[in-house]
Amino acid sequence: MQEKIIKNKNPIKIHLEKDKDYYWCACGLSKDGTFCDGSHKTTNIVPIKFSVSEAKSYFLCGCKKTNKKPFCDGSHSKS
C-alpha cells in the first residue's frame, strides 16, 4: 500500500455545511492536505466521501491516522 503523506500533524478546524458532500483527502497529496483535489490518482488510496447533519465547525484529521475518518480522534497526540 502507498505511504500516506502527512502535511499537517494537527487537526484542521473547518466549518462544514449540512448535507453537502465532501471528499476528505486520505492520501495527503492534495494541495491543502484536507480535501481531495484528485492527486490520489497516482496511488491506490481513495478519498473518503462524507457529509454532516449539522452546519458547524468540525475538526478533521490532519495526521491521517484517525480511526474515525475523516474526523480527528486524537491520534496525532499519540506516539
PDB file of N, CA and C in Angstrom:
ATOM      1  N   MET A   1       0.838  -1.195   0.000  1.00  0.00           N
ATOM      2  CA  MET A   1       0.000   0.000   0.000  1.00  0.00           C
ATOM      3  C   MET A   1       0.880   1.254   0.000  1.00  0.00           C
ATOM      4  N   GLN A   2       0.443   2.257  -0.703  1.00  0.00           N
ATOM      5  CA  GLN A   2       1.144   3.536  -0.801  1.00  0.00           C
ATOM      6  C   GLN A   2       1.227   4.218   0.566  1.00  0.00           C
ATOM      7  N   GLU A   3       2.373   4.800   0.878  1.00  0.00           N
ATOM      8  CA  GLU A   3       2.551   5.543   2.126  1.00  0.00           C
ATOM      9  C   GLU A   3       1.796   6.872   2.037  1.00  0.00           C
ATOM     10  N   LYS A   4       1.094   7.225   3.114  1.00  0.00           N
ATOM     11  CA  LYS A   4       0.354   8.480   3.158  1.00  0.00           C
ATOM     12  C   LYS A   4       1.299   9.633   3.468  1.00  0.00           C
ATOM     13  N   ILE A   5       1.044  10.774   2.869  1.00  0.00           N
ATOM     14  CA  ILE A   5       1.814  11.989   3.110  1.00  0.00           C
ATOM     15  C   ILE A   5       1.099  12.786   4.192  1.00  0.00           C
ATOM     16  N   ILE A   6       1.831  13.216   5.205  1.00  0.00           N
ATOM     17  CA  ILE A   6       1.233  13.994   6.280  1.00  0.00           C
ATOM     18  C   ILE A   6       1.711  15.441   6.158  1.00  0.00           C
ATOM     19  N   LYS A   7       0.798  16.325   5.740  1.00  0.00           N
ATOM     20  CA  LYS A   7       1.126  17.742   5.598  1.00  0.00           C
ATOM     21  C   LYS A   7       0.829  18.513   6.868  1.00  0.00           C
ATOM     22  N   ASN A   8      -0.046  17.984   7.695  1.00  0.00           N
ATOM     23  CA  ASN A   8      -0.453  18.684   8.904  1.00  0.00           C
ATOM     24  C   ASN A   8      -0.667  17.654  10.004  1.00  0.00           C
ATOM     25  N   LYS A   9       0.181  17.659  11.014  1.00  0.00           N
ATOM     26  CA  LYS A   9       0.047  16.686  12.109  1.00  0.00           C
ATOM     27  C   LYS A   9      -1.174  16.980  12.972  1.00  0.00           C
ATOM     28  N   ASN A  10      -1.566  18.233  13.054  1.00  0.00           N
ATOM     29  CA  ASN A  10      -2.673  18.638  13.920  1.00  0.00           C
ATOM     30  C   ASN A  10      -4.009  18.603  13.184  1.00  0.00           C
ATOM     31  N   PRO A  11      -5.107  18.541  13.935  1.00  0.00           N
ATOM     32  CA  PRO A  11      -6.430  18.579  13.310  1.00  0.00           C
ATOM     33  C   PRO A  11      -6.699  19.938  12.664  1.00  0.00           C
ATOM     34  N   ILE A  12      -7.569  19.936  11.688  1.00  0.00           N
ATOM     35  CA  ILE A  12      -7.937  21.150  10.959  1.00  0.00           C
ATOM     36  C   ILE A  12      -9.366  21.511  11.340  1.00  0.00           C
ATOM     37  N   LYS A  13      -9.549  22.684  11.945  1.00  0.00           N
ATOM     38  CA  LYS A  13     -10.895  23.142  12.300  1.00  0.00           C
ATOM     39  C   LYS A  13     -11.488  23.830  11.086  1.00  0.00           C
ATOM     40  N   ILE A  14     -12.667  23.366  10.692  1.00  0.00           N
ATOM     41  CA  ILE A  14     -13.295  23.909   9.493  1.00  0.00           C
ATOM     42  C   ILE A  14     -14.813  23.862   9.628  1.00  0.00           C
ATOM     43  N   HIS A  15     -15.456  24.906   9.126  1.00  0.00           N
ATOM     44  CA  HIS A  15     -16.919  24.965   9.142  1.00  0.00           C
ATOM     45  C   HIS A  15     -17.441  24.173   7.949  1.00  0.00           C
ATOM     46  N   LEU A  16     -18.342  23.233   8.211  1.00  0.00           N
ATOM     47  CA  LEU A  16     -18.935  22.413   7.162  1.00  0.00           C
ATOM     48  C   LEU A  16     -20.432  22.666   7.085  1.00  0.00           C
ATOM     49  N   GLU A  17     -20.969  22.574   5.873  1.00  0.00           N
ATOM     50  CA  GLU A  17     -22.385  22.800   5.632  1.00  0.00           C
ATOM     51  C   GLU A  17     -23.174  21.496   5.753  1.00  0.00           C
ATOM     52  N   LYS A  18     -24.362  21.612   6.249  1.00  0.00           N
ATOM     53  CA  LYS A  18     -25.268  20.474   6.422  1.00  0.00           C
ATOM     54  C   LYS A  18     -25.602  19.821   5.083  1.00  0.00           C
ATOM     55  N   ASP A  19     -25.566  18.487   5.038  1.00  0.00           N
ATOM     56  CA  ASP A  19     -25.981  17.663   3.895  1.00  0.00           C
ATOM     57  C   ASP A  19     -25.204  17.905   2.605  1.00  0.00           C
ATOM     58  N   LYS A  20     -24.067  18.541   2.662  1.00  0.00           N
ATOM     59  CA  LYS A  20     -23.219  18.726   1.487  1.00  0.00           C
ATOM     60  C   LYS A  20     -22.206  17.584   1.442  1.00  0.00           C
ATOM     61  N   ASP A  21     -21.934  17.060   0.257  1.00  0.00           N
ATOM     62  CA  ASP A  21     -20.930  16.005   0.117  1.00  0.00           C
ATOM     63  C   ASP A  21     -19.536  16.610   0.109  1.00  0.00           C
ATOM     64  N   TYR A  22     -18.658  16.031   0.926  1.00  0.00           N
ATOM     65  CA  TYR A  22     -17.254  16.418   0.990  1.00  0.00           C
ATOM     66  C   TYR A  22     -16.415  15.185   0.718  1.00  0.00           C
ATOM     67  N   TYR A  23     -15.198  15.406   0.236  1.00  0.00           N
ATOM     68  CA  TYR A  23     -14.268  14.314  -0.010  1.00  0.00           C
ATOM     69  C   TYR A  23     -12.965  14.630   0.718  1.00  0.00           C
ATOM     70  N   TRP A  24     -12.740  13.904   1.809  1.00  0.00           N
ATOM     71  CA  TRP A  24     -11.556  14.102   2.637  1.00  0.00           C
ATOM     72  C   TRP A  24     -10.359  13.423   1.986  1.00  0.00           C
ATOM     73  N   CYS A  25      -9.265  14.139   1.883  1.00  0.00           N
ATOM     74  CA  CYS A  25      -8.037  13.600   1.301  1.00  0.00           C
ATOM     75  C   CYS A  25      -7.441  12.572   2.256  1.00  0.00           C
ATOM     76  N   ALA A  26      -7.403  11.322   1.851  1.00  0.00           N
ATOM     77  CA  ALA A  26      -6.848  10.253   2.677  1.00  0.00           C
ATOM     78  C   ALA A  26      -5.372   9.991   2.369  1.00  0.00           C
ATOM     79  N   CYS A  27      -4.895  10.467   1.222  1.00  0.00           N
ATOM     80  CA  CYS A  27      -3.510  10.198   0.820  1.00  0.00           C
ATOM     81  C   CYS A  27      -2.542  11.291   1.262  1.00  0.00           C
ATOM     82  N   GLY A  28      -3.057  12.508   1.464  1.00  0.00           N
ATOM     83  CA  GLY A  28      -2.210  13.622   1.861  1.00  0.00           C
ATOM     84  C   GLY A  28      -1.537  14.333   0.702  1.00  0.00           C
ATOM     85  N   LEU A  29      -1.806  13.913  -0.514  1.00  0.00           N
ATOM     86  CA  LEU A  29      -1.156  14.520  -1.680  1.00  0.00           C
ATOM     87  C   LEU A  29      -1.868  15.763  -2.210  1.00  0.00           C
ATOM     88  N   SER A  30      -3.092  16.006  -1.775  1.00  0.00           N
ATOM     89  CA  SER A  30      -3.816  17.178  -2.274  1.00  0.00           C
ATOM     90  C   SER A  30      -3.099  18.456  -1.856  1.00  0.00           C
ATOM     91  N   LYS A  31      -3.373  19.513  -2.566  1.00  0.00           N
ATOM     92  CA  LYS A  31      -2.675  20.777  -2.316  1.00  0.00           C
ATOM     93  C   LYS A  31      -2.823  21.241  -0.867  1.00  0.00           C
ATOM     94  N   ASP A  32      -4.040  21.147  -0.318  1.00  0.00           N
ATOM     95  CA  ASP A  32      -4.236  21.594   1.064  1.00  0.00           C
ATOM     96  C   ASP A  32      -4.124  20.462   2.079  1.00  0.00           C
ATOM     97  N   GLY A  33      -4.054  19.208   1.620  1.00  0.00           N
ATOM     98  CA  GLY A  33      -3.923  18.072   2.518  1.00  0.00           C
ATOM     99  C   GLY A  33      -5.195  17.715   3.257  1.00  0.00           C
ATOM    100  N   THR A  34      -6.271  18.466   3.029  1.00  0.00           N
ATOM    101  CA  THR A  34      -7.524  18.232   3.744  1.00  0.00           C
ATOM    102  C   THR A  34      -8.606  17.674   2.829  1.00  0.00           C
ATOM    103  N   PHE A  35      -8.876  18.373   1.725  1.00  0.00           N
ATOM    104  CA  PHE A  35      -9.913  17.930   0.801  1.00  0.00           C
ATOM    105  C   PHE A  35      -9.283  17.432  -0.498  1.00  0.00           C
ATOM    106  N   CYS A  36      -9.902  16.415  -1.075  1.00  0.00           N
ATOM    107  CA  CYS A  36      -9.401  15.787  -2.292  1.00  0.00           C
ATOM    108  C   CYS A  36      -9.383  16.761  -3.466  1.00  0.00           C
ATOM    109  N   ASP A  37      -8.282  16.735  -4.213  1.00  0.00           N
ATOM    110  CA  ASP A  37      -8.201  17.503  -5.458  1.00  0.00           C
ATOM    111  C   ASP A  37      -7.821  16.590  -6.633  1.00  0.00           C
ATOM    112  N   GLY A  38      -7.915  15.273  -6.413  1.00  0.00           N
ATOM    113  CA  GLY A  38      -7.624  14.308  -7.473  1.00  0.00           C
ATOM    114  C   GLY A  38      -6.192  13.802  -7.484  1.00  0.00           C
ATOM    115  N   SER A  39      -5.351  14.312  -6.607  1.00  0.00           N
ATOM    116  CA  SER A  39      -3.940  13.914  -6.592  1.00  0.00           C
ATOM    117  C   SER A  39      -3.733  12.446  -6.255  1.00  0.00           C
ATOM    118  N   HIS A  40      -4.714  11.806  -5.636  1.00  0.00           N
ATOM    119  CA  HIS A  40      -4.609  10.395  -5.260  1.00  0.00           C
ATOM    120  C   HIS A  40      -4.558   9.457  -6.463  1.00  0.00           C
ATOM    121  N   LYS A  41      -4.870   9.956  -7.640  1.00  0.00           N
ATOM    122  CA  LYS A  41      -4.964   9.104  -8.817  1.00  0.00           C
ATOM    123  C   LYS A  41      -3.647   8.401  -9.152  1.00  0.00           C
ATOM    124  N   THR A  42      -2.544   8.873  -8.573  1.00  0.00           N
ATOM    125  CA  THR A  42      -1.249   8.217  -8.779  1.00  0.00           C
ATOM    126  C   THR A  42      -1.000   7.157  -7.706  1.00  0.00           C
ATOM    127  N   THR A  43      -1.989   6.922  -6.827  1.00  0.00           N
ATOM    128  CA  THR A  43      -1.850   5.964  -5.729  1.00  0.00           C
ATOM    129  C   THR A  43      -3.010   4.970  -5.740  1.00  0.00           C
ATOM    130  N   ASN A  44      -3.010   4.079  -4.768  1.00  0.00           N
ATOM    131  CA  ASN A  44      -4.145   3.170  -4.597  1.00  0.00           C
ATOM    132  C   ASN A  44      -5.008   3.600  -3.412  1.00  0.00           C
ATOM    133  N   ILE A  45      -4.808   4.822  -2.912  1.00  0.00           N
ATOM    134  CA  ILE A  45      -5.566   5.376  -1.795  1.00  0.00           C
ATOM    135  C   ILE A  45      -6.706   6.217  -2.365  1.00  0.00           C
ATOM    136  N   VAL A  46      -7.902   6.045  -1.822  1.00  0.00           N
ATOM    137  CA  VAL A  46      -9.057   6.793  -2.319  1.00  0.00           C
ATOM    138  C   VAL A  46      -9.564   7.755  -1.242  1.00  0.00           C
ATOM    139  N   PRO A  47     -10.178   8.864  -1.659  1.00  0.00           N
ATOM    140  CA  PRO A  47     -10.716   9.820  -0.688  1.00  0.00           C
ATOM    141  C   PRO A  47     -11.926   9.248   0.048  1.00  0.00           C
ATOM    142  N   ILE A  48     -12.227   9.827   1.182  1.00  0.00           N
ATOM    143  CA  ILE A  48     -13.375   9.421   1.987  1.00  0.00           C
ATOM    144  C   ILE A  48     -14.509  10.418   1.753  1.00  0.00           C
ATOM    145  N   LYS A  49     -15.625   9.935   1.203  1.00  0.00           N
ATOM    146  CA  LYS A  49     -16.804  10.780   0.997  1.00  0.00           C
ATOM    147  C   LYS A  49     -17.572  10.857   2.308  1.00  0.00           C
ATOM    148  N   PHE A  50     -17.969  12.085   2.684  1.00  0.00           N
ATOM    149  CA  PHE A  50     -18.740  12.245   3.916  1.00  0.00           C
ATOM    150  C   PHE A  50     -19.605  13.492   3.841  1.00  0.00           C
ATOM    151  N   SER A  51     -20.553  13.565   4.744  1.00  0.00           N
ATOM    152  CA  SER A  51     -21.391  14.755   4.921  1.00  0.00           C
ATOM    153  C   SER A  51     -21.699  14.864   6.405  1.00  0.00           C
ATOM    154  N   VAL A  52     -22.226  16.000   6.807  1.00  0.00           N
ATOM    155  CA  VAL A  52     -22.575  16.206   8.216  1.00  0.00           C
ATOM    156  C   VAL A  52     -24.051  16.586   8.308  1.00  0.00           C
ATOM    157  N   SER A  53     -24.656  16.278   9.444  1.00  0.00           N
ATOM    158  CA  SER A  53     -26.087  16.543   9.605  1.00  0.00           C
ATOM    159  C   SER A  53     -26.361  17.885  10.276  1.00  0.00           C
ATOM    160  N   GLU A  54     -25.297  18.586  10.646  1.00  0.00           N
ATOM    161  CA  GLU A  54     -25.446  19.897  11.281  1.00  0.00           C
ATOM    162  C   GLU A  54     -24.357  20.830  10.774  1.00  0.00           C
ATOM    163  N   ALA A  55     -24.745  22.034  10.369  1.00  0.00           N
ATOM    164  CA  ALA A  55     -23.770  23.036   9.931  1.00  0.00           C
ATOM    165  C   ALA A  55     -23.089  23.613  11.161  1.00  0.00           C
ATOM    166  N   LYS A  56     -21.786  23.373  11.257  1.00  0.00           N
ATOM    167  CA  LYS A  56     -20.987  23.889  12.372  1.00  0.00           C
ATOM    168  C   LYS A  56     -19.520  23.610  12.081  1.00  0.00           C
ATOM    169  N   SER A  57     -18.647  23.999  12.997  1.00  0.00           N
ATOM    170  CA  SER A  57     -17.227  23.729  12.851  1.00  0.00           C
ATOM    171  C   SER A  57     -16.903  22.331  13.359  1.00  0.00           C
ATOM    172  N   TYR A  58     -16.066  21.641  12.608  1.00  0.00           N
ATOM    173  CA  TYR A  58     -15.619  20.291  12.944  1.00  0.00           C
ATOM    174  C   TYR A  58     -14.094  20.267  12.887  1.00  0.00           C
ATOM    175  N   PHE A  59     -13.508  19.276  13.545  1.00  0.00           N
ATOM    176  CA  PHE A  59     -12.075  19.054  13.467  1.00  0.00           C
ATOM    177  C   PHE A  59     -11.829  17.840  12.585  1.00  0.00           C
ATOM    178  N   LEU A  60     -11.226  18.077  11.414  1.00  0.00           N
ATOM    179  CA  LEU A  60     -10.874  16.994  10.510  1.00  0.00           C
ATOM    180  C   LEU A  60      -9.444  16.549  10.797  1.00  0.00           C
ATOM    181  N   CYS A  61      -9.180  15.287  10.590  1.00  0.00           N
ATOM    182  CA  CYS A  61      -7.858  14.725  10.854  1.00  0.00           C
ATOM    183  C   CYS A  61      -6.834  15.266   9.866  1.00  0.00           C
ATOM    184  N   GLY A  62      -5.711  15.694  10.391  1.00  0.00           N
ATOM    185  CA  GLY A  62      -4.609  16.145   9.549  1.00  0.00           C
ATOM    186  C   GLY A  62      -3.499  15.116   9.460  1.00  0.00           C
ATOM    187  N   CYS A  63      -3.385  14.247  10.478  1.00  0.00           N
ATOM    188  CA  CYS A  63      -2.285  13.281  10.527  1.00  0.00           C
ATOM    189  C   CYS A  63      -2.568  12.007   9.732  1.00  0.00           C
ATOM    190  N   LYS A  64      -3.806  11.804   9.336  1.00  0.00           N
ATOM    191  CA  LYS A  64      -4.256  10.642   8.543  1.00  0.00           C
ATOM    192  C   LYS A  64      -4.224   9.333   9.332  1.00  0.00           C
ATOM    193  N   LYS A  65      -4.121   9.403  10.663  1.00  0.00           N
ATOM    194  CA  LYS A  65      -4.061   8.197  11.498  1.00  0.00           C
ATOM    195  C   LYS A  65      -5.352   7.927  12.264  1.00  0.00           C
ATOM    196  N   THR A  66      -6.346   8.770  12.122  1.00  0.00           N
ATOM    197  CA  THR A  66      -7.593   8.628  12.869  1.00  0.00           C
ATOM    198  C   THR A  66      -8.316   7.322  12.572  1.00  0.00           C
ATOM    199  N   ASN A  67      -9.033   6.842  13.561  1.00  0.00           N
ATOM    200  CA  ASN A  67      -9.903   5.682  13.372  1.00  0.00           C
ATOM    201  C   ASN A  67     -11.343   6.115  13.128  1.00  0.00           C
ATOM    202  N   LYS A  68     -11.580   7.439  13.089  1.00  0.00           N
ATOM    203  CA  LYS A  68     -12.915   7.999  12.859  1.00  0.00           C
ATOM    204  C   LYS A  68     -12.918   8.849  11.592  1.00  0.00           C
ATOM    205  N   LYS A  69     -12.308   8.359  10.537  1.00  0.00           N
ATOM    206  CA  LYS A  69     -12.151   9.118   9.298  1.00  0.00           C
ATOM    207  C   LYS A  69     -13.457   9.744   8.859  1.00  0.00           C
ATOM    208  N   PRO A  70     -13.459  11.008   8.549  1.00  0.00           N
ATOM    209  CA  PRO A  70     -12.356  11.942   8.415  1.00  0.00           C
ATOM    210  C   PRO A  70     -12.099  12.791   9.669  1.00  0.00           C
ATOM    211  N   PHE A  71     -12.789  12.484  10.749  1.00  0.00           N
ATOM    212  CA  PHE A  71     -12.746  13.345  11.932  1.00  0.00           C
ATOM    213  C   PHE A  71     -11.583  12.982  12.857  1.00  0.00           C
ATOM    214  N   CYS A  72     -11.053  13.980  13.509  1.00  0.00           N
ATOM    215  CA  CYS A  72      -9.950  13.790  14.443  1.00  0.00           C
ATOM    216  C   CYS A  72     -10.417  12.965  15.645  1.00  0.00           C
ATOM    217  N   ASP A  73      -9.596  11.999  16.047  1.00  0.00           N
ATOM    218  CA  ASP A  73      -9.882  11.210  17.253  1.00  0.00           C
ATOM    219  C   ASP A  73      -8.746  11.330  18.276  1.00  0.00           C
ATOM    220  N   GLY A  74      -7.818  12.259  18.037  1.00  0.00           N
ATOM    221  CA  GLY A  74      -6.705  12.464  18.965  1.00  0.00           C
ATOM    222  C   GLY A  74      -5.479  11.626  18.643  1.00  0.00           C
ATOM    223  N   SER A  75      -5.506  10.878  17.556  1.00  0.00           N
ATOM    224  CA  SER A  75      -4.362  10.024  17.196  1.00  0.00           C
ATOM    225  C   SER A  75      -3.071  10.824  17.009  1.00  0.00           C
ATOM    226  N   HIS A  76      -3.173  12.087  16.616  1.00  0.00           N
ATOM    227  CA  HIS A  76      -1.981  12.909  16.402  1.00  0.00           C
ATOM    228  C   HIS A  76      -1.187  13.125  17.688  1.00  0.00           C
ATOM    229  N   SER A  77      -1.839  12.995  18.834  1.00  0.00           N
ATOM    230  CA  SER A  77      -1.155  13.226  20.112  1.00  0.00           C
ATOM    231  C   SER A  77      -0.570  11.941  20.699  1.00  0.00           C
ATOM    232  N   LYS A  78      -0.788  10.831  20.026  1.00  0.00           N
ATOM    233  CA  LYS A  78      -0.234   9.537  20.466  1.00  0.00           C
ATOM    234  C   LYS A  78       1.010   9.221  19.646  1.00  0.00           C
ATOM    235  N   SER A  79       2.030   8.794  20.304  1.00  0.00           N
ATOM    236  CA  SER A  79       3.341   8.413  19.719  1.00  0.00           C
ATOM    237  C   SER A  79       4.178   9.547  19.228  1.00  0.00           C
TER     238      SER A  79
END
